[in-house]
């Protein structure tokens, strides 16, 4: 596989990751924690079905043989999967509490920076790449996200201009912002950390193939989500609603969760395939730009209808920063 194909593939991954969040808009009052649990319920089913059909081509040594060869690394991936899933569920709770604009800005900044340092120093840099350049490109991707978030805020003001309707202003606590930043820096970086430590590549010849890694990670994510969901719903209430989607007439939630799992862990599998070609250090910051795609869907759904030309200009500027960051990241590997 060429580097160009891998880069195009990573753009597809960001699209998939940026798309599954849109399903949350359609779950109405169903608990977000329960919804993400079903997402992680379907994830290992999807990943291990892929392994069933593709293992001969992509895991010639056999999945179980790879796990037996590196049991310590398998344990690392499994634990990272647990931490990642719990972190994602916690983040979704803060998105609901703080709002999408603020939470995404905080998440993007802390996650991109932490992931850049982890993948660069743990996973290693490919020939021709430098940490200052990767850091600069990562900052451009953070800027792209924040600028697009600003366009979203301006859109709301444009739409409500001249009316008595006002946006609901949330009371933001500094402790919530700090907690969200820590979740992204310490928990959601478990995914790139597992790839940096265990994914087989030119920089790390001893490791797992992409499907083996994702098979273990998806199982860890399911177990982590199961433990967290049951504990949370038992404490906060709502346990009676967990299995509500399985009832006749309420299965839309399951369809949405399955689609989310395809985009979420399907994207994870693809990233693990493309990363060895361009390095985890470059693929990871590229992947964190998935937030920009949320605004593609916003435009497609007509959410920016009635916005001013200046608002569209801000949105275009954010997209240009995204393109610039990707081009800088990949400038020496194509």
C-alpha atoms as a PDB file:
ATOM      1  CA  UNK A   1       0.000   0.000   0.000  1.00  0.00           C
ATOM      2  CA  UNK A   2       1.333   3.433  -0.941  1.00  0.00           C
ATOM      3  CA  UNK A   3       1.489   6.395   1.431  1.00  0.00           C
ATOM      4  CA  UNK A   4      -0.960   8.300  -0.788  1.00  0.00           C
ATOM      5  CA  UNK A   5      -3.576   5.555  -0.454  1.00  0.00           C
ATOM      6  CA  UNK A   6      -3.045   5.477   3.321  1.00  0.00           C
ATOM      7  CA  UNK A   7      -3.503   9.266   3.582  1.00  0.00           C
ATOM      8  CA  UNK A   8      -6.711   9.161   1.542  1.00  0.00           C
ATOM      9  CA  UNK A   9      -7.822   6.281   3.730  1.00  0.00           C
ATOM     10  CA  UNK A  10      -7.180   8.317   6.891  1.00  0.00           C
ATOM     11  CA  UNK A  11      -9.361  11.126   5.537  1.00  0.00           C
ATOM     12  CA  UNK A  12     -12.105   8.503   5.108  1.00  0.00           C
ATOM     13  CA  UNK A  13     -11.516   7.439   8.729  1.00  0.00           C
ATOM     14  CA  UNK A  14     -12.012  11.012   9.978  1.00  0.00           C
ATOM     15  CA  UNK A  15     -15.248  11.141   7.990  1.00  0.00           C
ATOM     16  CA  UNK A  16     -16.490   7.941   9.630  1.00  0.00           C
ATOM     17  CA  UNK A  17     -15.567   9.138  13.118  1.00  0.00           C
ATOM     18  CA  UNK A  18     -17.122  12.537  12.517  1.00  0.00           C
ATOM     19  CA  UNK A  19     -20.332  10.933  11.274  1.00  0.00           C
ATOM     20  CA  UNK A  20     -21.300   8.582  14.104  1.00  0.00           C
ATOM     21  CA  UNK A  21     -21.751  11.452  16.548  1.00  0.00           C
ATOM     22  CA  UNK A  22     -24.657  12.628  14.392  1.00  0.00           C
ATOM     23  CA  UNK A  23     -26.703   9.610  15.452  1.00  0.00           C
ATOM     24  CA  UNK A  24     -26.908  10.981  18.991  1.00  0.00           C
ATOM     25  CA  UNK A  25     -29.264  13.676  17.677  1.00  0.00           C
ATOM     26  CA  UNK A  26     -31.845  10.985  16.953  1.00  0.00           C
ATOM     27  CA  UNK A  27     -31.973   9.052  20.249  1.00  0.00           C
ATOM     28  CA  UNK A  28     -34.345  11.583  21.870  1.00  0.00           C
ATOM     29  CA  UNK A  29     -34.535  11.008  25.643  1.00  0.00           C
ATOM     30  CA  UNK A  30     -32.814   7.619  25.664  1.00  0.00           C
ATOM     31  CA  UNK A  31     -29.858   7.738  28.143  1.00  0.00           C
ATOM     32  CA  UNK A  32     -26.593   8.514  26.338  1.00  0.00           C
ATOM     33  CA  UNK A  33     -24.665   6.098  28.596  1.00  0.00           C
ATOM     34  CA  UNK A  34     -27.004   3.242  27.646  1.00  0.00           C
ATOM     35  CA  UNK A  35     -26.763   4.193  23.962  1.00  0.00           C
ATOM     36  CA  UNK A  36     -22.965   4.117  23.930  1.00  0.00           C
ATOM     37  CA  UNK A  37     -23.097   0.738  25.699  1.00  0.00           C
ATOM     38  CA  UNK A  38     -24.995  -0.761  22.759  1.00  0.00           C
ATOM     39  CA  UNK A  39     -22.441   0.837  20.438  1.00  0.00           C
ATOM     40  CA  UNK A  40     -19.663  -1.046  22.257  1.00  0.00           C
ATOM     41  CA  UNK A  41     -21.832  -4.175  22.347  1.00  0.00           C
ATOM     42  CA  UNK A  42     -21.952  -4.257  18.548  1.00  0.00           C
ATOM     43  CA  UNK A  43     -18.282  -3.233  18.057  1.00  0.00           C
ATOM     44  CA  UNK A  44     -16.631  -6.610  18.833  1.00  0.00           C
ATOM     45  CA  UNK A  45     -19.283  -8.377  16.749  1.00  0.00           C
ATOM     46  CA  UNK A  46     -18.348  -6.221  13.756  1.00  0.00           C
ATOM     47  CA  UNK A  47     -14.585  -6.511  14.314  1.00  0.00           C
ATOM     48  CA  UNK A  48     -14.551 -10.271  14.908  1.00  0.00           C
ATOM     49  CA  UNK A  49     -16.807 -10.841  11.899  1.00  0.00           C
ATOM     50  CA  UNK A  50     -14.173  -8.993   9.859  1.00  0.00           C
ATOM     51  CA  UNK A  51     -11.500 -11.216  11.385  1.00  0.00           C
ATOM     52  CA  UNK A  52     -13.507 -14.319  10.462  1.00  0.00           C
ATOM     53  CA  UNK A  53     -13.565 -13.373   6.780  1.00  0.00           C
ATOM     54  CA  UNK A  54     -10.179 -11.635   6.434  1.00  0.00           C
ATOM     55  CA  UNK A  55      -7.826 -13.441   8.832  1.00  0.00           C
ATOM     56  CA  UNK A  56      -6.216 -15.614   6.128  1.00  0.00           C
ATOM     57  CA  UNK A  57      -5.180 -12.555   4.128  1.00  0.00           C
ATOM     58  CA  UNK A  58      -4.460 -10.105   6.946  1.00  0.00           C
ATOM     59  CA  UNK A  59      -3.383 -12.347   9.839  1.00  0.00           C
ATOM     60  CA  UNK A  60      -1.458 -15.200   8.195  1.00  0.00           C
ATOM     61  CA  UNK A  61       0.063 -16.319  11.523  1.00  0.00           C
ATOM     62  CA  UNK A  62      -3.379 -16.571  13.133  1.00  0.00           C
ATOM     63  CA  UNK A  63      -4.992 -14.295  15.700  1.00  0.00           C
ATOM     64  CA  UNK A  64      -4.659 -16.715  18.604  1.00  0.00           C
ATOM     65  CA  UNK A  65      -1.017 -17.424  17.722  1.00  0.00           C
ATOM     66  CA  UNK A  66      -0.233 -13.703  17.773  1.00  0.00           C
ATOM     67  CA  UNK A  67      -1.944 -13.312  21.154  1.00  0.00           C
ATOM     68  CA  UNK A  68      -0.066 -16.322  22.540  1.00  0.00           C
ATOM     69  CA  UNK A  69       3.218 -14.877  21.282  1.00  0.00           C
ATOM     70  CA  UNK A  70       2.663 -11.495  22.971  1.00  0.00           C
ATOM     71  CA  UNK A  71       0.406 -12.070  26.006  1.00  0.00           C
ATOM     72  CA  UNK A  72       1.722  -8.997  27.808  1.00  0.00           C
ATOM     73  CA  UNK A  73       0.929  -6.760  24.859  1.00  0.00           C
ATOM     74  CA  UNK A  74      -2.508  -8.367  24.573  1.00  0.00           C
ATOM     75  CA  UNK A  75      -3.194  -7.403  28.198  1.00  0.00           C
ATOM     76  CA  UNK A  76      -2.088  -3.813  27.487  1.00  0.00           C
ATOM     77  CA  UNK A  77      -4.450  -3.538  24.504  1.00  0.00           C
ATOM     78  CA  UNK A  78      -7.358  -5.036  26.450  1.00  0.00           C
ATOM     79  CA  UNK A  79      -6.926  -2.605  29.361  1.00  0.00           C
ATOM     80  CA  UNK A  80      -6.506   0.307  26.943  1.00  0.00           C
ATOM     81  CA  UNK A  81      -9.784  -0.711  25.293  1.00  0.00           C
ATOM     82  CA  UNK A  82     -11.539  -0.635  28.672  1.00  0.00           C
ATOM     83  CA  UNK A  83     -10.128   2.794  29.542  1.00  0.00           C
ATOM     84  CA  UNK A  84     -10.928   4.201  26.105  1.00  0.00           C
ATOM     85  CA  UNK A  85     -14.588   3.090  26.156  1.00  0.00           C
ATOM     86  CA  UNK A  86     -15.181   4.429  29.667  1.00  0.00           C
ATOM     87  CA  UNK A  87     -13.497   7.699  28.701  1.00  0.00           C
ATOM     88  CA  UNK A  88     -15.726   8.001  25.631  1.00  0.00           C
ATOM     89  CA  UNK A  89     -18.852   7.435  27.723  1.00  0.00           C
ATOM     90  CA  UNK A  90     -17.732  10.046  30.241  1.00  0.00           C
ATOM     91  CA  UNK A  91     -17.000  12.491  27.414  1.00  0.00           C
ATOM     92  CA  UNK A  92     -20.472  12.020  25.921  1.00  0.00           C
ATOM     93  CA  UNK A  93     -21.924  12.937  29.320  1.00  0.00           C
ATOM     94  CA  UNK A  94     -19.914  16.160  29.388  1.00  0.00           C
ATOM     95  CA  UNK A  95     -20.965  16.993  25.809  1.00  0.00           C
ATOM     96  CA  UNK A  96     -24.573  16.893  26.984  1.00  0.00           C
ATOM     97  CA  UNK A  97     -23.714  18.954  30.066  1.00  0.00           C
ATOM     98  CA  UNK A  98     -21.411  21.604  28.558  1.00  0.00           C
ATOM     99  CA  UNK A  99     -22.748  21.726  25.012  1.00  0.00           C
ATOM    100  CA  UNK A 100     -21.083  20.654  21.786  1.00  0.00           C
ATOM    101  CA  UNK A 101     -19.195  23.874  21.041  1.00  0.00           C
ATOM    102  CA  UNK A 102     -17.314  24.204  24.327  1.00  0.00           C
ATOM    103  CA  UNK A 103     -16.810  20.490  24.905  1.00  0.00           C
ATOM    104  CA  UNK A 104     -15.428  19.855  21.414  1.00  0.00           C
ATOM    105  CA  UNK A 105     -12.955  22.733  21.710  1.00  0.00           C
ATOM    106  CA  UNK A 106     -11.692  21.454  25.064  1.00  0.00           C
ATOM    107  CA  UNK A 107     -11.601  17.849  23.852  1.00  0.00           C
ATOM    108  CA  UNK A 108      -9.794  18.616  20.613  1.00  0.00           C
ATOM    109  CA  UNK A 109      -7.098  20.706  22.276  1.00  0.00           C
ATOM    110  CA  UNK A 110      -6.252  18.301  25.094  1.00  0.00           C
ATOM    111  CA  UNK A 111      -6.599  15.111  23.049  1.00  0.00           C
ATOM    112  CA  UNK A 112      -4.588  16.250  20.035  1.00  0.00           C
ATOM    113  CA  UNK A 113      -1.698  17.572  22.111  1.00  0.00           C
ATOM    114  CA  UNK A 114      -1.534  14.532  24.404  1.00  0.00           C
ATOM    115  CA  UNK A 115      -1.853  12.092  21.491  1.00  0.00           C
ATOM    116  CA  UNK A 116       0.855  13.900  19.514  1.00  0.00           C
ATOM    117  CA  UNK A 117       3.360  13.609  22.351  1.00  0.00           C
ATOM    118  CA  UNK A 118       2.481   9.959  23.072  1.00  0.00           C
ATOM    119  CA  UNK A 119       2.628   8.707  19.497  1.00  0.00           C
ATOM    120  CA  UNK A 120       5.762  10.698  18.616  1.00  0.00           C
ATOM    121  CA  UNK A 121       7.843   9.640  21.599  1.00  0.00           C
ATOM    122  CA  UNK A 122       6.400   6.166  22.238  1.00  0.00           C
ATOM    123  CA  UNK A 123       5.588   5.052  18.704  1.00  0.00           C
ATOM    124  CA  UNK A 124       8.511   6.805  17.013  1.00  0.00           C
ATOM    125  CA  UNK A 125       8.758   9.073  13.980  1.00  0.00           C
ATOM    126  CA  UNK A 126       9.117   7.929  10.366  1.00  0.00           C
ATOM    127  CA  UNK A 127      12.078   8.989   8.263  1.00  0.00           C
ATOM    128  CA  UNK A 128      11.772  12.590   7.112  1.00  0.00           C
ATOM    129  CA  UNK A 129       9.342  13.589   9.858  1.00  0.00           C
ATOM    130  CA  UNK A 130      10.185  15.898  12.746  1.00  0.00           C
ATOM    131  CA  UNK A 131       8.388  16.480  16.014  1.00  0.00           C
ATOM    132  CA  UNK A 132       8.234  20.313  15.604  1.00  0.00           C
ATOM    133  CA  UNK A 133       6.509  19.894  12.233  1.00  0.00           C
ATOM    134  CA  UNK A 134       4.055  17.324  13.590  1.00  0.00           C
ATOM    135  CA  UNK A 135       3.317  19.556  16.585  1.00  0.00           C
ATOM    136  CA  UNK A 136       2.749  22.563  14.305  1.00  0.00           C
ATOM    137  CA  UNK A 137       0.387  20.530  12.122  1.00  0.00           C
ATOM    138  CA  UNK A 138      -1.443  19.319  15.248  1.00  0.00           C
ATOM    139  CA  UNK A 139      -1.904  22.921  16.400  1.00  0.00           C
ATOM    140  CA  UNK A 140      -3.338  23.748  12.968  1.00  0.00           C
ATOM    141  CA  UNK A 141      -5.839  20.895  13.344  1.00  0.00           C
ATOM    142  CA  UNK A 142      -6.787  22.195  16.803  1.00  0.00           C
ATOM    143  CA  UNK A 143      -7.256  25.648  15.275  1.00  0.00           C
ATOM    144  CA  UNK A 144      -9.416  24.131  12.531  1.00  0.00           C
ATOM    145  CA  UNK A 145     -11.714  22.599  15.122  1.00  0.00           C
ATOM    146  CA  UNK A 146     -11.969  25.767  17.226  1.00  0.00           C
ATOM    147  CA  UNK A 147     -12.601  27.962  14.161  1.00  0.00           C
ATOM    148  CA  UNK A 148     -15.359  25.620  12.977  1.00  0.00           C
ATOM    149  CA  UNK A 149     -16.831  25.704  16.483  1.00  0.00           C
ATOM    150  CA  UNK A 150     -16.793  29.505  16.277  1.00  0.00           C
ATOM    151  CA  UNK A 151     -18.689  29.273  12.985  1.00  0.00           C
ATOM    152  CA  UNK A 152     -21.260  27.108  14.769  1.00  0.00           C
ATOM    153  CA  UNK A 153     -21.667  29.716  17.508  1.00  0.00           C
ATOM    154  CA  UNK A 154     -22.050  32.487  14.919  1.00  0.00           C
ATOM    155  CA  UNK A 155     -24.648  30.401  13.079  1.00  0.00           C
ATOM    156  CA  UNK A 156     -26.822  30.301  16.186  1.00  0.00           C
ATOM    157  CA  UNK A 157     -26.563  34.070  16.616  1.00  0.00           C
ATOM    158  CA  UNK A 158     -27.367  34.661  12.941  1.00  0.00           C
ATOM    159  CA  UNK A 159     -30.454  32.478  13.065  1.00  0.00           C
ATOM    160  CA  UNK A 160     -31.791  34.069  16.266  1.00  0.00           C
ATOM    161  CA  UNK A 161     -30.889  37.640  15.298  1.00  0.00           C
ATOM    162  CA  UNK A 162     -33.851  39.985  15.421  1.00  0.00           C
ATOM    163  CA  UNK A 163     -35.976  37.608  17.462  1.00  0.00           C
ATOM    164  CA  UNK A 164     -36.703  37.344  21.130  1.00  0.00           C
ATOM    165  CA  UNK A 165     -35.465  33.751  21.200  1.00  0.00           C
ATOM    166  CA  UNK A 166     -32.196  33.299  23.048  1.00  0.00           C
ATOM    167  CA  UNK A 167     -29.898  30.352  23.257  1.00  0.00           C
ATOM    168  CA  UNK A 168     -29.895  28.429  26.485  1.00  0.00           C
ATOM    169  CA  UNK A 169     -26.816  29.533  28.381  1.00  0.00           C
ATOM    170  CA  UNK A 170     -25.267  26.761  30.404  1.00  0.00           C
ATOM    171  CA  UNK A 171     -23.575  27.436  33.697  1.00  0.00           C
ATOM    172  CA  UNK A 172     -20.048  26.270  33.072  1.00  0.00           C
ATOM    173  CA  UNK A 173     -17.871  25.151  35.954  1.00  0.00           C
ATOM    174  CA  UNK A 174     -14.093  25.236  35.659  1.00  0.00           C
ATOM    175  CA  UNK A 175     -14.020  21.827  37.316  1.00  0.00           C
ATOM    176  CA  UNK A 176     -16.117  20.375  34.455  1.00  0.00           C
ATOM    177  CA  UNK A 177     -13.756  21.812  31.845  1.00  0.00           C
ATOM    178  CA  UNK A 178     -10.733  20.447  33.718  1.00  0.00           C
ATOM    179  CA  UNK A 179     -12.382  17.030  34.090  1.00  0.00           C
ATOM    180  CA  UNK A 180     -13.171  16.903  30.355  1.00  0.00           C
ATOM    181  CA  UNK A 181      -9.606  17.896  29.468  1.00  0.00           C
ATOM    182  CA  UNK A 182      -8.206  15.175  31.738  1.00  0.00           C
ATOM    183  CA  UNK A 183     -10.543  12.542  30.273  1.00  0.00           C
ATOM    184  CA  UNK A 184      -9.255  13.353  26.787  1.00  0.00           C
ATOM    185  CA  UNK A 185      -5.605  13.594  27.803  1.00  0.00           C
ATOM    186  CA  UNK A 186      -5.489  10.521  30.060  1.00  0.00           C
ATOM    187  CA  UNK A 187      -8.289   8.171  28.982  1.00  0.00           C
ATOM    188  CA  UNK A 188      -9.059   8.719  25.293  1.00  0.00           C
ATOM    189  CA  UNK A 189      -5.338   8.620  24.500  1.00  0.00           C
ATOM    190  CA  UNK A 190      -5.429   4.955  25.539  1.00  0.00           C
ATOM    191  CA  UNK A 191      -6.312   4.101  21.930  1.00  0.00           C
ATOM    192  CA  UNK A 192      -3.266   5.733  20.274  1.00  0.00           C
ATOM    193  CA  UNK A 193      -1.097   4.518  23.170  1.00  0.00           C
ATOM    194  CA  UNK A 194      -2.112   0.894  22.511  1.00  0.00           C
ATOM    195  CA  UNK A 195      -1.272   1.286  18.824  1.00  0.00           C
ATOM    196  CA  UNK A 196       2.059   2.959  19.577  1.00  0.00           C
ATOM    197  CA  UNK A 197       3.062   0.121  21.902  1.00  0.00           C
ATOM    198  CA  UNK A 198       1.701  -2.953  20.128  1.00  0.00           C
ATOM    199  CA  UNK A 199       0.886  -2.368  16.425  1.00  0.00           C
ATOM    200  CA  UNK A 200       3.280  -4.092  14.045  1.00  0.00           C
ATOM    201  CA  UNK A 201       4.992  -1.632  11.695  1.00  0.00           C
ATOM    202  CA  UNK A 202       8.328  -0.770  10.153  1.00  0.00           C
ATOM    203  CA  UNK A 203       9.218   1.140  13.305  1.00  0.00           C
ATOM    204  CA  UNK A 204       8.018  -1.706  15.571  1.00  0.00           C
ATOM    205  CA  UNK A 205       8.428  -5.059  13.790  1.00  0.00           C
ATOM    206  CA  UNK A 206       7.392  -7.073  16.852  1.00  0.00           C
ATOM    207  CA  UNK A 207       3.693  -6.522  17.423  1.00  0.00           C
ATOM    208  CA  UNK A 208       0.147  -7.343  16.437  1.00  0.00           C
ATOM    209  CA  UNK A 209      -1.421  -7.141  13.018  1.00  0.00           C
ATOM    210  CA  UNK A 210      -4.178  -4.546  12.747  1.00  0.00           C
ATOM    211  CA  UNK A 211      -7.091  -7.000  13.011  1.00  0.00           C
ATOM    212  CA  UNK A 212      -5.645  -8.802  16.033  1.00  0.00           C
ATOM    213  CA  UNK A 213      -5.102  -5.511  17.834  1.00  0.00           C
ATOM    214  CA  UNK A 214      -8.627  -4.308  17.076  1.00  0.00           C
ATOM    215  CA  UNK A 215     -10.143  -7.637  18.037  1.00  0.00           C
ATOM    216  CA  UNK A 216      -8.585  -7.382  21.501  1.00  0.00           C
ATOM    217  CA  UNK A 217      -9.324  -3.656  21.807  1.00  0.00           C
ATOM    218  CA  UNK A 218     -13.008  -4.096  20.913  1.00  0.00           C
ATOM    219  CA  UNK A 219     -13.420  -6.806  23.560  1.00  0.00           C
ATOM    220  CA  UNK A 220     -11.772  -4.580  26.151  1.00  0.00           C
ATOM    221  CA  UNK A 221     -14.016  -1.686  25.127  1.00  0.00           C
ATOM    222  CA  UNK A 222     -17.123  -3.835  25.544  1.00  0.00           C
ATOM    223  CA  UNK A 223     -16.108  -5.084  29.000  1.00  0.00           C
ATOM    224  CA  UNK A 224     -15.145  -1.589  30.132  1.00  0.00           C
ATOM    225  CA  UNK A 225     -18.411  -0.159  28.849  1.00  0.00           C
ATOM    226  CA  UNK A 226     -20.407  -2.981  30.473  1.00  0.00           C
ATOM    227  CA  UNK A 227     -18.836  -2.384  33.897  1.00  0.00           C
ATOM    228  CA  UNK A 228     -19.219   1.395  33.688  1.00  0.00           C
ATOM    229  CA  UNK A 229     -22.787   1.312  32.315  1.00  0.00           C
ATOM    230  CA  UNK A 230     -24.106  -1.079  34.941  1.00  0.00           C
ATOM    231  CA  UNK A 231     -22.406   0.863  37.747  1.00  0.00           C
ATOM    232  CA  UNK A 232     -23.624   4.223  36.438  1.00  0.00           C
ATOM    233  CA  UNK A 233     -27.242   3.203  35.806  1.00  0.00           C
ATOM    234  CA  UNK A 234     -27.459   1.402  39.139  1.00  0.00           C
ATOM    235  CA  UNK A 235     -26.274   4.537  40.947  1.00  0.00           C
ATOM    236  CA  UNK A 236     -28.052   7.205  38.876  1.00  0.00           C
ATOM    237  CA  UNK A 237     -31.143   5.218  37.875  1.00  0.00           C
ATOM    238  CA  UNK A 238     -32.322   4.184  34.433  1.00  0.00           C
ATOM    239  CA  UNK A 239     -31.429   0.505  34.590  1.00  0.00           C
ATOM    240  CA  UNK A 240     -34.973  -0.288  33.490  1.00  0.00           C
ATOM    241  CA  UNK A 241     -34.344   1.560  30.211  1.00  0.00           C
ATOM    242  CA  UNK A 242     -31.161  -0.297  29.257  1.00  0.00           C
ATOM    243  CA  UNK A 243     -32.979  -3.083  27.382  1.00  0.00           C
ATOM    244  CA  UNK A 244     -35.776  -0.825  26.125  1.00  0.00           C
ATOM    245  CA  UNK A 245     -34.424  -0.817  22.520  1.00  0.00           C
ATOM    246  CA  UNK A 246     -34.988  -4.575  22.234  1.00  0.00           C
ATOM    247  CA  UNK A 247     -38.715  -4.103  22.610  1.00  0.00           C
ATOM    248  CA  UNK A 248     -40.841  -4.101  19.494  1.00  0.00           C
ATOM    249  CA  UNK A 249     -41.338  -0.585  18.197  1.00  0.00           C
ATOM    250  CA  UNK A 250     -38.218   0.783  19.934  1.00  0.00           C
ATOM    251  CA  UNK A 251     -35.480  -0.820  17.867  1.00  0.00           C
ATOM    252  CA  UNK A 252     -34.405   2.371  16.115  1.00  0.00           C
ATOM    253  CA  UNK A 253     -31.886   2.859  18.937  1.00  0.00           C
ATOM    254  CA  UNK A 254     -30.254  -0.484  18.095  1.00  0.00           C
ATOM    255  CA  UNK A 255     -30.041   0.411  14.394  1.00  0.00           C
ATOM    256  CA  UNK A 256     -28.413   3.738  15.239  1.00  0.00           C
ATOM    257  CA  UNK A 257     -26.025   2.056  17.688  1.00  0.00           C
ATOM    258  CA  UNK A 258     -25.051  -0.520  15.048  1.00  0.00           C
ATOM    259  CA  UNK A 259     -24.401   2.204  12.449  1.00  0.00           C
ATOM    260  CA  UNK A 260     -22.362   4.087  15.059  1.00  0.00           C
ATOM    261  CA  UNK A 261     -20.325   0.953  15.811  1.00  0.00           C
ATOM    262  CA  UNK A 262     -19.605   0.463  12.098  1.00  0.00           C
ATOM    263  CA  UNK A 263     -18.364   4.054  11.783  1.00  0.00           C
ATOM    264  CA  UNK A 264     -16.578   4.112  15.149  1.00  0.00           C
ATOM    265  CA  UNK A 265     -14.773   0.755  15.286  1.00  0.00           C
ATOM    266  CA  UNK A 266     -14.827   0.314  11.526  1.00  0.00           C
ATOM    267  CA  UNK A 267     -12.828   3.535  11.431  1.00  0.00           C
ATOM    268  CA  UNK A 268     -10.556   2.182  14.169  1.00  0.00           C
ATOM    269  CA  UNK A 269      -9.827  -0.930  12.105  1.00  0.00           C
ATOM    270  CA  UNK A 270      -9.043   1.138   9.014  1.00  0.00           C
ATOM    271  CA  UNK A 271      -6.772   3.454  11.001  1.00  0.00           C
ATOM    272  CA  UNK A 272      -4.847   0.471  12.330  1.00  0.00           C
ATOM    273  CA  UNK A 273      -4.382  -0.700   8.724  1.00  0.00           C
ATOM    274  CA  UNK A 274      -3.239   2.672   7.381  1.00  0.00           C
ATOM    275  CA  UNK A 275      -1.132   3.721  10.374  1.00  0.00           C
ATOM    276  CA  UNK A 276       1.836   1.376   9.771  1.00  0.00           C
ATOM    277  CA  UNK A 277       2.197   2.849   6.290  1.00  0.00           C
ATOM    278  CA  UNK A 278       2.471   6.502   7.372  1.00  0.00           C
ATOM    279  CA  UNK A 279       3.274   5.880  11.093  1.00  0.00           C
ATOM    280  CA  UNK A 280       1.025   6.145  14.128  1.00  0.00           C
ATOM    281  CA  UNK A 281       2.606   9.545  14.904  1.00  0.00           C
ATOM    282  CA  UNK A 282       1.150  11.022  11.715  1.00  0.00           C
ATOM    283  CA  UNK A 283      -2.092   9.030  11.486  1.00  0.00           C
ATOM    284  CA  UNK A 284      -3.186   9.927  15.032  1.00  0.00           C
ATOM    285  CA  UNK A 285      -3.245  13.739  14.715  1.00  0.00           C
ATOM    286  CA  UNK A 286      -4.868  13.326  11.310  1.00  0.00           C
ATOM    287  CA  UNK A 287      -7.605  11.274  12.946  1.00  0.00           C
ATOM    288  CA  UNK A 288      -8.318  13.875  15.602  1.00  0.00           C
ATOM    289  CA  UNK A 289      -9.591  16.243  12.909  1.00  0.00           C
ATOM    290  CA  UNK A 290     -12.838  14.246  12.696  1.00  0.00           C
ATOM    291  CA  UNK A 291     -14.662  17.137  14.396  1.00  0.00           C
ATOM    292  CA  UNK A 292     -14.517  19.164  11.186  1.00  0.00           C
ATOM    293  CA  UNK A 293     -16.825  16.665   9.478  1.00  0.00           C
ATOM    294  CA  UNK A 294     -19.570  17.495  11.965  1.00  0.00           C
ATOM    295  CA  UNK A 295     -19.921  20.806  10.167  1.00  0.00           C
ATOM    296  CA  UNK A 296     -20.084  19.111   6.789  1.00  0.00           C
ATOM    297  CA  UNK A 297     -23.180  17.339   8.085  1.00  0.00           C
ATOM    298  CA  UNK A 298     -24.422  20.596   9.556  1.00  0.00           C
ATOM    299  CA  UNK A 299     -24.293  22.259   6.130  1.00  0.00           C
ATOM    300  CA  UNK A 300     -25.810  19.197   4.461  1.00  0.00           C
ATOM    301  CA  UNK A 301     -28.722  19.122   6.924  1.00  0.00           C
ATOM    302  CA  UNK A 302     -29.340  22.834   6.358  1.00  0.00           C
ATOM    303  CA  UNK A 303     -28.284  23.827   9.880  1.00  0.00           C
ATOM    304  CA  UNK A 304     -26.371  26.806   8.459  1.00  0.00           C
ATOM    305  CA  UNK A 305     -29.308  28.001   6.373  1.00  0.00           C
ATOM    306  CA  UNK A 306     -29.881  31.685   7.115  1.00  0.00           C
ATOM    307  CA  UNK A 307     -26.295  32.260   8.284  1.00  0.00           C
ATOM    308  CA  UNK A 308     -24.385  35.349   7.205  1.00  0.00           C
ATOM    309  CA  UNK A 309     -21.618  35.336   4.619  1.00  0.00           C
ATOM    310  CA  UNK A 310     -19.157  36.102   7.412  1.00  0.00           C
ATOM    311  CA  UNK A 311     -20.211  32.930   9.228  1.00  0.00           C
ATOM    312  CA  UNK A 312     -19.683  30.876   6.091  1.00  0.00           C
ATOM    313  CA  UNK A 313     -16.298  32.582   5.716  1.00  0.00           C
ATOM    314  CA  UNK A 314     -15.290  31.501   9.227  1.00  0.00           C
ATOM    315  CA  UNK A 315     -16.376  27.938   8.464  1.00  0.00           C
ATOM    316  CA  UNK A 316     -14.363  27.882   5.225  1.00  0.00           C
ATOM    317  CA  UNK A 317     -11.328  29.211   7.130  1.00  0.00           C
ATOM    318  CA  UNK A 318     -11.627  26.312   9.557  1.00  0.00           C
ATOM    319  CA  UNK A 319     -11.733  23.818   6.687  1.00  0.00           C
ATOM    320  CA  UNK A 320      -8.655  25.455   5.135  1.00  0.00           C
ATOM    321  CA  UNK A 321      -6.784  25.041   8.429  1.00  0.00           C
ATOM    322  CA  UNK A 322      -7.776  21.384   8.402  1.00  0.00           C
ATOM    323  CA  UNK A 323      -6.472  20.920   4.850  1.00  0.00           C
ATOM    324  CA  UNK A 324      -3.278  22.821   5.716  1.00  0.00           C
ATOM    325  CA  UNK A 325      -2.647  20.681   8.783  1.00  0.00           C
ATOM    326  CA  UNK A 326      -3.073  17.449   6.831  1.00  0.00           C
ATOM    327  CA  UNK A 327      -0.801  18.675   4.021  1.00  0.00           C
ATOM    328  CA  UNK A 328       1.892  19.687   6.522  1.00  0.00           C
ATOM    329  CA  UNK A 329       1.671  16.337   8.307  1.00  0.00           C
ATOM    330  CA  UNK A 330       2.059  14.370   5.104  1.00  0.00           C
ATOM    331  CA  UNK A 331       4.412  16.658   3.173  1.00  0.00           C
ATOM    332  CA  UNK A 332       7.468  14.373   3.425  1.00  0.00           C
ATOM    333  CA  UNK A 333       5.865  10.957   3.105  1.00  0.00           C
ATOM    334  CA  UNK A 334       3.950  11.117  -0.183  1.00  0.00           C
END
